[in-house]
N, C-alpha and C. Protein backbone atom coordinates (compact mmCIF):
# COMPACT_ATOMS: atom_id res chain seq x y z
N MET A 1 -9.26 -17.32 7.59
CA MET A 1 -9.66 -17.20 6.20
C MET A 1 -8.46 -17.17 5.26
N GLY A 2 -7.34 -17.70 5.67
CA GLY A 2 -6.14 -17.72 4.85
C GLY A 2 -6.35 -18.48 3.55
N ILE A 3 -7.18 -19.48 3.57
CA ILE A 3 -7.47 -20.27 2.37
C ILE A 3 -7.95 -19.35 1.26
N HIS A 4 -8.91 -18.51 1.61
CA HIS A 4 -9.54 -17.63 0.64
C HIS A 4 -8.52 -16.65 0.06
N ASN A 5 -7.73 -16.01 0.90
CA ASN A 5 -6.78 -15.00 0.44
C ASN A 5 -5.73 -15.57 -0.49
N ASN A 6 -5.25 -16.78 -0.24
CA ASN A 6 -4.23 -17.39 -1.08
C ASN A 6 -4.78 -17.78 -2.45
N LYS A 7 -6.06 -18.06 -2.53
CA LYS A 7 -6.64 -18.58 -3.77
C LYS A 7 -7.17 -17.49 -4.69
N ILE A 8 -7.29 -16.25 -4.19
CA ILE A 8 -7.77 -15.15 -5.03
C ILE A 8 -6.84 -14.97 -6.23
N GLY A 9 -5.54 -15.03 -6.00
CA GLY A 9 -4.57 -14.87 -7.09
C GLY A 9 -4.73 -15.94 -8.14
N VAL A 10 -5.00 -17.17 -7.72
CA VAL A 10 -5.21 -18.27 -8.67
C VAL A 10 -6.42 -17.96 -9.54
N LYS A 11 -7.48 -17.50 -8.93
CA LYS A 11 -8.71 -17.19 -9.67
C LYS A 11 -8.46 -16.06 -10.68
N ARG A 12 -7.73 -15.04 -10.27
CA ARG A 12 -7.44 -13.92 -11.18
C ARG A 12 -6.52 -14.35 -12.32
N ARG A 13 -5.55 -15.20 -12.02
CA ARG A 13 -4.67 -15.69 -13.09
C ARG A 13 -5.47 -16.49 -14.12
N ARG A 14 -6.39 -17.31 -13.63
CA ARG A 14 -7.23 -18.09 -14.56
C ARG A 14 -8.13 -17.17 -15.37
N GLN A 15 -8.60 -16.11 -14.75
CA GLN A 15 -9.45 -15.15 -15.45
C GLN A 15 -8.65 -14.49 -16.59
N PHE A 16 -7.40 -14.13 -16.31
CA PHE A 16 -6.54 -13.54 -17.33
C PHE A 16 -6.28 -14.54 -18.45
N GLN A 17 -6.00 -15.80 -18.09
CA GLN A 17 -5.76 -16.84 -19.08
C GLN A 17 -7.00 -17.04 -19.96
N ARG A 18 -8.18 -17.02 -19.34
CA ARG A 18 -9.42 -17.17 -20.09
C ARG A 18 -9.60 -16.03 -21.09
N LYS A 19 -9.29 -14.82 -20.64
CA LYS A 19 -9.40 -13.64 -21.52
C LYS A 19 -8.49 -13.79 -22.74
N GLN A 20 -7.25 -14.24 -22.51
CA GLN A 20 -6.30 -14.42 -23.60
C GLN A 20 -6.80 -15.47 -24.61
N LEU A 21 -7.33 -16.58 -24.08
CA LEU A 21 -7.82 -17.64 -24.96
C LEU A 21 -9.06 -17.20 -25.74
N GLN A 22 -9.91 -16.42 -25.11
CA GLN A 22 -11.11 -15.93 -25.80
C GLN A 22 -10.72 -15.01 -26.95
N GLN A 23 -9.68 -14.21 -26.75
CA GLN A 23 -9.23 -13.31 -27.81
C GLN A 23 -8.64 -14.09 -28.98
N LYS A 24 -8.00 -15.19 -28.67
CA LYS A 24 -7.38 -16.01 -29.70
C LYS A 24 -8.44 -16.63 -30.61
N GLY A 25 -9.44 -17.26 -30.01
CA GLY A 25 -10.59 -17.76 -30.76
C GLY A 25 -10.37 -19.00 -31.61
N THR A 26 -9.23 -19.64 -31.54
CA THR A 26 -8.98 -20.84 -32.34
C THR A 26 -9.71 -22.04 -31.75
N LYS A 27 -9.75 -23.11 -32.53
CA LYS A 27 -10.43 -24.32 -32.07
C LYS A 27 -9.75 -24.89 -30.82
N SER A 28 -8.42 -24.89 -30.81
CA SER A 28 -7.70 -25.40 -29.64
C SER A 28 -7.90 -24.48 -28.43
N ALA A 29 -8.02 -23.18 -28.67
CA ALA A 29 -8.27 -22.23 -27.57
C ALA A 29 -9.64 -22.49 -26.96
N LYS A 30 -10.62 -22.79 -27.80
CA LYS A 30 -11.98 -23.09 -27.31
C LYS A 30 -11.99 -24.38 -26.50
N ARG A 31 -11.22 -25.37 -26.97
CA ARG A 31 -11.10 -26.63 -26.25
C ARG A 31 -10.47 -26.39 -24.87
N LYS A 32 -9.45 -25.58 -24.83
CA LYS A 32 -8.76 -25.26 -23.57
C LYS A 32 -9.70 -24.47 -22.64
N LEU A 33 -10.52 -23.58 -23.20
CA LEU A 33 -11.49 -22.82 -22.40
C LEU A 33 -12.50 -23.74 -21.73
N LYS A 34 -12.95 -24.74 -22.46
CA LYS A 34 -13.91 -25.69 -21.90
C LYS A 34 -13.27 -26.46 -20.74
N GLN A 35 -12.02 -26.86 -20.93
CA GLN A 35 -11.28 -27.58 -19.89
C GLN A 35 -11.10 -26.69 -18.66
N LEU A 36 -10.76 -25.42 -18.88
CA LEU A 36 -10.56 -24.48 -17.77
C LEU A 36 -11.86 -24.23 -17.00
N SER A 37 -12.98 -24.22 -17.73
CA SER A 37 -14.27 -23.96 -17.10
C SER A 37 -14.57 -24.99 -16.01
N GLY A 38 -14.39 -26.26 -16.33
CA GLY A 38 -14.63 -27.31 -15.35
C GLY A 38 -13.66 -27.22 -14.18
N LYS A 39 -12.42 -26.87 -14.47
CA LYS A 39 -11.41 -26.75 -13.44
C LYS A 39 -11.77 -25.62 -12.47
N GLU A 40 -12.23 -24.48 -13.01
CA GLU A 40 -12.62 -23.34 -12.18
C GLU A 40 -13.81 -23.67 -11.28
N LYS A 41 -14.79 -24.37 -11.84
CA LYS A 41 -15.97 -24.74 -11.05
C LYS A 41 -15.59 -25.64 -9.89
N ARG A 42 -14.75 -26.62 -10.16
CA ARG A 42 -14.29 -27.53 -9.09
C ARG A 42 -13.45 -26.78 -8.05
N PHE A 43 -12.64 -25.87 -8.51
CA PHE A 43 -11.80 -25.06 -7.62
C PHE A 43 -12.67 -24.24 -6.68
N MET A 44 -13.67 -23.53 -7.20
CA MET A 44 -14.54 -22.69 -6.38
C MET A 44 -15.37 -23.53 -5.41
N LEU A 45 -15.85 -24.68 -5.87
CA LEU A 45 -16.61 -25.55 -4.99
C LEU A 45 -15.74 -26.02 -3.83
N ASP A 46 -14.50 -26.37 -4.12
CA ASP A 46 -13.58 -26.81 -3.07
C ASP A 46 -13.32 -25.69 -2.06
N ILE A 47 -13.05 -24.50 -2.55
CA ILE A 47 -12.80 -23.36 -1.65
C ILE A 47 -14.04 -23.07 -0.82
N ASN A 48 -15.20 -23.02 -1.45
CA ASN A 48 -16.44 -22.75 -0.72
C ASN A 48 -16.72 -23.82 0.33
N HIS A 49 -16.44 -25.08 0.00
CA HIS A 49 -16.62 -26.16 0.98
C HIS A 49 -15.70 -25.95 2.19
N LYS A 50 -14.45 -25.63 1.95
CA LYS A 50 -13.48 -25.46 3.04
C LYS A 50 -13.87 -24.30 3.96
N ILE A 51 -14.25 -23.17 3.36
CA ILE A 51 -14.60 -22.00 4.17
C ILE A 51 -15.88 -22.25 4.95
N THR A 52 -16.91 -22.79 4.29
CA THR A 52 -18.18 -23.01 4.99
C THR A 52 -18.04 -24.08 6.07
N LYS A 53 -17.20 -25.08 5.83
CA LYS A 53 -16.97 -26.11 6.85
C LYS A 53 -16.35 -25.47 8.08
N SER A 54 -15.37 -24.62 7.87
CA SER A 54 -14.71 -23.95 8.98
C SER A 54 -15.70 -23.07 9.76
N LEU A 55 -16.58 -22.37 9.05
CA LEU A 55 -17.58 -21.52 9.71
C LEU A 55 -18.61 -22.36 10.45
N ALA A 56 -19.10 -23.40 9.82
CA ALA A 56 -20.16 -24.23 10.43
C ALA A 56 -19.66 -25.05 11.61
N ASN A 57 -18.37 -25.29 11.69
CA ASN A 57 -17.82 -26.07 12.79
C ASN A 57 -17.39 -25.21 13.98
N ASP A 58 -17.59 -23.90 13.88
CA ASP A 58 -17.23 -23.00 14.98
C ASP A 58 -18.31 -23.09 16.06
N LYS A 59 -18.01 -23.76 17.15
CA LYS A 59 -18.99 -24.01 18.22
C LYS A 59 -19.33 -22.76 19.01
N SER A 60 -18.55 -21.68 18.85
CA SER A 60 -18.83 -20.45 19.60
C SER A 60 -19.90 -19.59 18.93
N VAL A 61 -20.36 -20.01 17.75
CA VAL A 61 -21.34 -19.23 16.99
C VAL A 61 -22.70 -19.90 17.05
N GLY A 62 -23.74 -19.12 17.32
CA GLY A 62 -25.09 -19.65 17.34
C GLY A 62 -25.90 -19.20 16.13
N VAL A 63 -25.52 -18.03 15.57
CA VAL A 63 -26.26 -17.46 14.44
C VAL A 63 -25.28 -16.78 13.50
N TYR A 64 -25.47 -17.00 12.20
CA TYR A 64 -24.78 -16.22 11.18
C TYR A 64 -25.80 -15.32 10.52
N ALA A 65 -25.55 -14.03 10.56
CA ALA A 65 -26.40 -13.06 9.88
C ALA A 65 -25.68 -12.69 8.59
N ILE A 66 -26.35 -12.93 7.46
CA ILE A 66 -25.73 -12.64 6.17
C ILE A 66 -26.68 -11.77 5.35
N GLU A 67 -26.10 -11.05 4.41
CA GLU A 67 -26.89 -10.21 3.53
C GLU A 67 -27.62 -11.06 2.50
N LYS A 68 -28.82 -10.67 2.19
CA LYS A 68 -29.54 -11.29 1.08
C LYS A 68 -29.08 -10.58 -0.18
N LEU A 69 -28.33 -11.29 -1.01
CA LEU A 69 -27.64 -10.65 -2.13
C LEU A 69 -28.36 -10.81 -3.46
N THR A 70 -29.68 -10.96 -3.45
CA THR A 70 -30.40 -11.05 -4.72
C THR A 70 -30.25 -9.73 -5.46
N GLY A 71 -30.02 -9.82 -6.75
CA GLY A 71 -29.89 -8.62 -7.57
C GLY A 71 -28.52 -7.98 -7.52
N ILE A 72 -27.55 -8.62 -6.88
CA ILE A 72 -26.22 -8.00 -6.77
C ILE A 72 -25.56 -7.85 -8.13
N ARG A 73 -25.86 -8.75 -9.05
CA ARG A 73 -25.25 -8.67 -10.38
C ARG A 73 -25.84 -7.52 -11.20
N ASN A 74 -26.97 -6.99 -10.77
CA ASN A 74 -27.62 -5.92 -11.52
C ASN A 74 -27.18 -4.53 -11.07
N THR A 75 -26.36 -4.45 -10.01
CA THR A 75 -25.95 -3.15 -9.50
C THR A 75 -24.90 -2.54 -10.41
N PRO A 76 -25.02 -1.24 -10.67
CA PRO A 76 -24.01 -0.60 -11.52
C PRO A 76 -22.68 -0.53 -10.77
N ALA A 77 -21.62 -0.92 -11.43
CA ALA A 77 -20.29 -0.89 -10.82
C ALA A 77 -19.26 -0.75 -11.92
N LYS A 78 -18.05 -0.49 -11.53
CA LYS A 78 -16.96 -0.41 -12.49
C LYS A 78 -16.76 -1.79 -13.12
N LYS A 79 -16.18 -1.81 -14.31
CA LYS A 79 -16.01 -3.06 -15.05
C LYS A 79 -15.26 -4.11 -14.24
N LYS A 80 -14.18 -3.70 -13.57
CA LYS A 80 -13.38 -4.64 -12.79
C LYS A 80 -14.20 -5.23 -11.63
N THR A 81 -14.93 -4.38 -10.92
CA THR A 81 -15.77 -4.83 -9.80
C THR A 81 -16.86 -5.76 -10.29
N ARG A 82 -17.50 -5.39 -11.40
CA ARG A 82 -18.56 -6.22 -11.98
C ARG A 82 -18.02 -7.59 -12.36
N SER A 83 -16.81 -7.60 -12.92
CA SER A 83 -16.19 -8.86 -13.31
C SER A 83 -15.95 -9.75 -12.10
N TRP A 84 -15.45 -9.19 -11.00
CA TRP A 84 -15.21 -9.97 -9.79
C TRP A 84 -16.51 -10.50 -9.22
N LEU A 85 -17.56 -9.65 -9.20
CA LEU A 85 -18.85 -10.08 -8.67
C LEU A 85 -19.44 -11.22 -9.50
N ASN A 86 -19.31 -11.11 -10.81
CA ASN A 86 -19.88 -12.14 -11.68
C ASN A 86 -19.12 -13.45 -11.62
N ASN A 87 -17.88 -13.41 -11.14
CA ASN A 87 -17.10 -14.64 -10.99
C ASN A 87 -17.15 -15.20 -9.58
N TRP A 88 -17.89 -14.54 -8.72
CA TRP A 88 -17.98 -14.98 -7.33
C TRP A 88 -19.20 -15.88 -7.18
N SER A 89 -19.01 -17.05 -6.66
CA SER A 89 -20.11 -18.01 -6.54
C SER A 89 -20.78 -17.86 -5.16
N PHE A 90 -21.34 -16.68 -4.92
CA PHE A 90 -21.92 -16.40 -3.60
C PHE A 90 -23.15 -17.24 -3.30
N TYR A 91 -23.94 -17.58 -4.32
CA TYR A 91 -25.13 -18.40 -4.07
C TYR A 91 -24.71 -19.80 -3.61
N GLN A 92 -23.72 -20.34 -4.28
CA GLN A 92 -23.20 -21.66 -3.91
C GLN A 92 -22.67 -21.61 -2.47
N PHE A 93 -21.92 -20.57 -2.15
CA PHE A 93 -21.39 -20.40 -0.80
C PHE A 93 -22.52 -20.35 0.23
N GLU A 94 -23.53 -19.58 -0.08
CA GLU A 94 -24.70 -19.42 0.81
C GLU A 94 -25.40 -20.76 1.05
N GLU A 95 -25.61 -21.51 0.00
CA GLU A 95 -26.29 -22.80 0.12
C GLU A 95 -25.47 -23.80 0.94
N LEU A 96 -24.16 -23.83 0.69
CA LEU A 96 -23.29 -24.72 1.46
C LEU A 96 -23.29 -24.34 2.94
N LEU A 97 -23.22 -23.04 3.20
CA LEU A 97 -23.22 -22.58 4.59
C LEU A 97 -24.53 -22.95 5.28
N LYS A 98 -25.65 -22.78 4.59
CA LYS A 98 -26.95 -23.08 5.20
C LYS A 98 -27.06 -24.56 5.58
N TYR A 99 -26.72 -25.45 4.66
CA TYR A 99 -26.92 -26.87 4.98
C TYR A 99 -25.93 -27.35 6.03
N LYS A 100 -24.72 -26.84 6.02
CA LYS A 100 -23.75 -27.26 7.04
C LYS A 100 -24.10 -26.69 8.41
N CYS A 101 -24.58 -25.47 8.44
CA CYS A 101 -24.99 -24.87 9.71
C CYS A 101 -26.23 -25.57 10.27
N GLU A 102 -27.14 -25.93 9.40
CA GLU A 102 -28.33 -26.66 9.84
C GLU A 102 -27.93 -27.97 10.51
N TYR A 103 -26.98 -28.65 9.93
CA TYR A 103 -26.48 -29.92 10.49
C TYR A 103 -25.88 -29.70 11.88
N ASN A 104 -25.22 -28.56 12.08
CA ASN A 104 -24.56 -28.25 13.36
C ASN A 104 -25.42 -27.38 14.27
N HIS A 105 -26.70 -27.24 13.95
CA HIS A 105 -27.66 -26.48 14.76
C HIS A 105 -27.27 -25.01 14.91
N ILE A 106 -26.74 -24.42 13.84
CA ILE A 106 -26.43 -23.00 13.80
C ILE A 106 -27.44 -22.36 12.86
N ILE A 107 -28.00 -21.25 13.29
CA ILE A 107 -29.03 -20.56 12.51
C ILE A 107 -28.36 -19.62 11.50
N VAL A 108 -28.89 -19.58 10.29
CA VAL A 108 -28.45 -18.63 9.27
C VAL A 108 -29.64 -17.72 8.99
N GLU A 109 -29.48 -16.44 9.26
CA GLU A 109 -30.55 -15.45 9.07
C GLU A 109 -30.11 -14.44 8.01
N TYR A 110 -31.08 -13.89 7.31
CA TYR A 110 -30.80 -12.87 6.30
C TYR A 110 -31.10 -11.49 6.84
N VAL A 111 -30.27 -10.53 6.44
CA VAL A 111 -30.40 -9.15 6.88
C VAL A 111 -30.48 -8.26 5.63
N ASP A 112 -31.26 -7.21 5.73
CA ASP A 112 -31.36 -6.24 4.65
C ASP A 112 -29.99 -5.58 4.44
N PRO A 113 -29.42 -5.66 3.24
CA PRO A 113 -28.06 -5.14 3.02
C PRO A 113 -27.99 -3.63 2.79
N ARG A 114 -29.12 -2.95 2.74
CA ARG A 114 -29.10 -1.51 2.42
C ARG A 114 -28.25 -0.72 3.41
N TYR A 115 -27.35 0.06 2.85
CA TYR A 115 -26.50 1.02 3.57
C TYR A 115 -25.48 0.40 4.52
N THR A 116 -25.32 -0.91 4.53
CA THR A 116 -24.37 -1.52 5.48
C THR A 116 -22.93 -1.08 5.19
N SER A 117 -22.62 -0.78 3.94
CA SER A 117 -21.26 -0.33 3.60
C SER A 117 -21.10 1.18 3.76
N GLN A 118 -22.22 1.89 3.83
CA GLN A 118 -22.17 3.35 3.89
C GLN A 118 -22.42 3.91 5.29
N LYS A 119 -22.89 3.07 6.20
CA LYS A 119 -23.26 3.54 7.54
C LYS A 119 -22.11 3.40 8.52
N CYS A 120 -21.90 4.43 9.32
CA CYS A 120 -20.89 4.38 10.39
C CYS A 120 -21.44 3.51 11.50
N ASN A 121 -20.67 2.54 11.93
CA ASN A 121 -21.14 1.64 12.98
C ASN A 121 -21.21 2.33 14.33
N ARG A 122 -20.46 3.39 14.52
CA ARG A 122 -20.46 4.09 15.80
C ARG A 122 -21.61 5.10 15.91
N CYS A 123 -21.70 6.06 14.96
CA CYS A 123 -22.71 7.12 15.09
C CYS A 123 -23.92 6.92 14.19
N LYS A 124 -23.89 5.89 13.33
CA LYS A 124 -24.99 5.50 12.43
C LYS A 124 -25.25 6.50 11.31
N THR A 125 -24.33 7.42 11.06
CA THR A 125 -24.45 8.36 9.95
C THR A 125 -24.23 7.62 8.64
N ILE A 126 -25.05 7.90 7.64
CA ILE A 126 -24.91 7.28 6.33
C ILE A 126 -24.24 8.27 5.39
N ASP A 127 -23.12 7.86 4.81
CA ASP A 127 -22.36 8.70 3.89
C ASP A 127 -21.76 7.81 2.83
N LYS A 128 -22.21 7.96 1.60
CA LYS A 128 -21.73 7.07 0.54
C LYS A 128 -20.28 7.35 0.15
N ASN A 129 -19.73 8.48 0.61
CA ASN A 129 -18.34 8.81 0.30
C ASN A 129 -17.37 8.51 1.44
N ALA A 130 -17.84 7.88 2.50
CA ALA A 130 -16.99 7.63 3.67
C ALA A 130 -16.01 6.48 3.43
N ARG A 131 -16.27 5.67 2.44
CA ARG A 131 -15.41 4.53 2.17
C ARG A 131 -14.33 4.93 1.16
N ASN A 132 -13.08 4.69 1.55
CA ASN A 132 -11.95 4.95 0.66
C ASN A 132 -11.22 3.62 0.47
N LYS A 133 -11.55 2.94 -0.61
CA LYS A 133 -11.06 1.59 -0.89
C LYS A 133 -11.42 0.67 0.26
N SER A 134 -10.44 0.20 1.04
CA SER A 134 -10.77 -0.75 2.09
C SER A 134 -10.89 -0.10 3.47
N ILE A 135 -10.84 1.22 3.54
CA ILE A 135 -10.93 1.93 4.81
C ILE A 135 -12.22 2.75 4.87
N TYR A 136 -12.93 2.63 6.00
CA TYR A 136 -14.13 3.43 6.24
C TYR A 136 -13.74 4.54 7.22
N ILE A 137 -13.96 5.79 6.82
CA ILE A 137 -13.66 6.94 7.68
C ILE A 137 -14.91 7.80 7.77
N CYS A 138 -15.50 7.86 8.96
CA CYS A 138 -16.71 8.66 9.16
C CYS A 138 -16.32 10.13 9.28
N LYS A 139 -16.90 10.94 8.43
CA LYS A 139 -16.61 12.38 8.46
C LYS A 139 -17.37 13.08 9.58
N HIS A 140 -18.36 12.39 10.14
CA HIS A 140 -19.17 12.98 11.21
C HIS A 140 -18.52 12.80 12.58
N CYS A 141 -18.09 11.57 12.92
CA CYS A 141 -17.54 11.32 14.25
C CYS A 141 -16.05 10.95 14.24
N GLY A 142 -15.47 10.75 13.03
CA GLY A 142 -14.05 10.43 12.94
C GLY A 142 -13.70 8.96 13.09
N TYR A 143 -14.70 8.11 13.24
CA TYR A 143 -14.48 6.67 13.40
C TYR A 143 -13.79 6.11 12.16
N THR A 144 -12.73 5.32 12.37
CA THR A 144 -12.00 4.71 11.27
C THR A 144 -11.92 3.20 11.51
N GLN A 145 -12.22 2.44 10.45
CA GLN A 145 -12.23 0.99 10.56
C GLN A 145 -12.04 0.40 9.16
N HIS A 146 -11.61 -0.84 9.09
CA HIS A 146 -11.59 -1.53 7.80
C HIS A 146 -13.04 -1.55 7.30
N ALA A 147 -13.25 -1.20 6.05
CA ALA A 147 -14.60 -1.04 5.51
C ALA A 147 -15.43 -2.31 5.62
N ASP A 148 -14.83 -3.47 5.39
CA ASP A 148 -15.58 -4.73 5.48
C ASP A 148 -15.96 -5.05 6.92
N ILE A 149 -15.09 -4.73 7.86
CA ILE A 149 -15.40 -4.97 9.27
C ILE A 149 -16.53 -4.04 9.72
N ASN A 150 -16.46 -2.78 9.29
CA ASN A 150 -17.54 -1.83 9.61
C ASN A 150 -18.87 -2.34 9.06
N ALA A 151 -18.87 -2.80 7.82
CA ALA A 151 -20.10 -3.32 7.20
C ALA A 151 -20.59 -4.57 7.92
N ALA A 152 -19.67 -5.46 8.30
CA ALA A 152 -20.05 -6.68 9.02
C ALA A 152 -20.68 -6.35 10.37
N MET A 153 -20.15 -5.34 11.05
CA MET A 153 -20.73 -4.94 12.33
C MET A 153 -22.12 -4.33 12.12
N ASN A 154 -22.32 -3.63 11.01
CA ASN A 154 -23.64 -3.10 10.70
C ASN A 154 -24.63 -4.22 10.40
N ILE A 155 -24.18 -5.26 9.72
CA ILE A 155 -25.03 -6.43 9.45
C ILE A 155 -25.43 -7.07 10.77
N ARG A 156 -24.44 -7.26 11.65
CA ARG A 156 -24.72 -7.82 12.98
C ARG A 156 -25.75 -6.96 13.73
N ASP A 157 -25.54 -5.66 13.74
CA ASP A 157 -26.44 -4.75 14.46
C ASP A 157 -27.84 -4.76 13.84
N ASN A 158 -27.93 -4.82 12.51
CA ASN A 158 -29.24 -4.89 11.85
C ASN A 158 -29.98 -6.16 12.26
N TYR A 159 -29.23 -7.26 12.36
CA TYR A 159 -29.84 -8.52 12.79
C TYR A 159 -30.36 -8.41 14.22
N VAL A 160 -29.53 -7.91 15.12
CA VAL A 160 -29.92 -7.77 16.52
C VAL A 160 -31.13 -6.85 16.64
N PHE A 161 -31.11 -5.74 15.90
CA PHE A 161 -32.23 -4.79 15.93
C PHE A 161 -33.51 -5.43 15.41
N SER A 162 -33.41 -6.20 14.32
CA SER A 162 -34.61 -6.85 13.76
C SER A 162 -35.17 -7.90 14.71
N ARG A 163 -34.29 -8.60 15.43
CA ARG A 163 -34.74 -9.60 16.42
C ARG A 163 -35.42 -8.91 17.59
N HIS A 164 -34.92 -7.74 17.97
CA HIS A 164 -35.49 -6.98 19.09
C HIS A 164 -36.92 -6.51 18.75
N LEU A 165 -37.11 -6.12 17.47
CA LEU A 165 -38.43 -5.67 17.04
C LEU A 165 -39.45 -6.80 17.02
N ASN A 166 -38.98 -8.02 16.72
CA ASN A 166 -39.88 -9.17 16.61
C ASN A 166 -40.21 -9.81 17.95
N VAL A 167 -39.56 -9.38 19.02
CA VAL A 167 -39.79 -9.98 20.33
C VAL A 167 -41.02 -9.41 20.98
């Protein structure tokens, strides 16, 4: 996922540039904003294509379990977090992943996202305060993991559990 990490800075720099131009408000600033808008859309589409292509071409994967993120923009969050979420083209990413995986006979399933970031993957205790930035530390069993990895493992487990119930 090196592609994604290197491009986050580009996206944030463009966001800062957009903010500066919006504050300026001149005719030339508005023209530049319109030009930047198209550039950002093409940039995100390119990044999403590269990442989803890499995921869909992984022959060792039979199923991708992903969160259904409807309503994510409506969740209360800090201004900075809300700004990042609103600039993330997750729907586009989801659609690209689905069609590419379908072509490669990989299943894409949706999982209920509730508590995946708050639940300990080891003891299953739910604690909304267990996450400290990017680290998840369970106060019940002491399990420590990168918060995103812990959440991803919970998504995987939720998928496996839901499949077990349907069998």
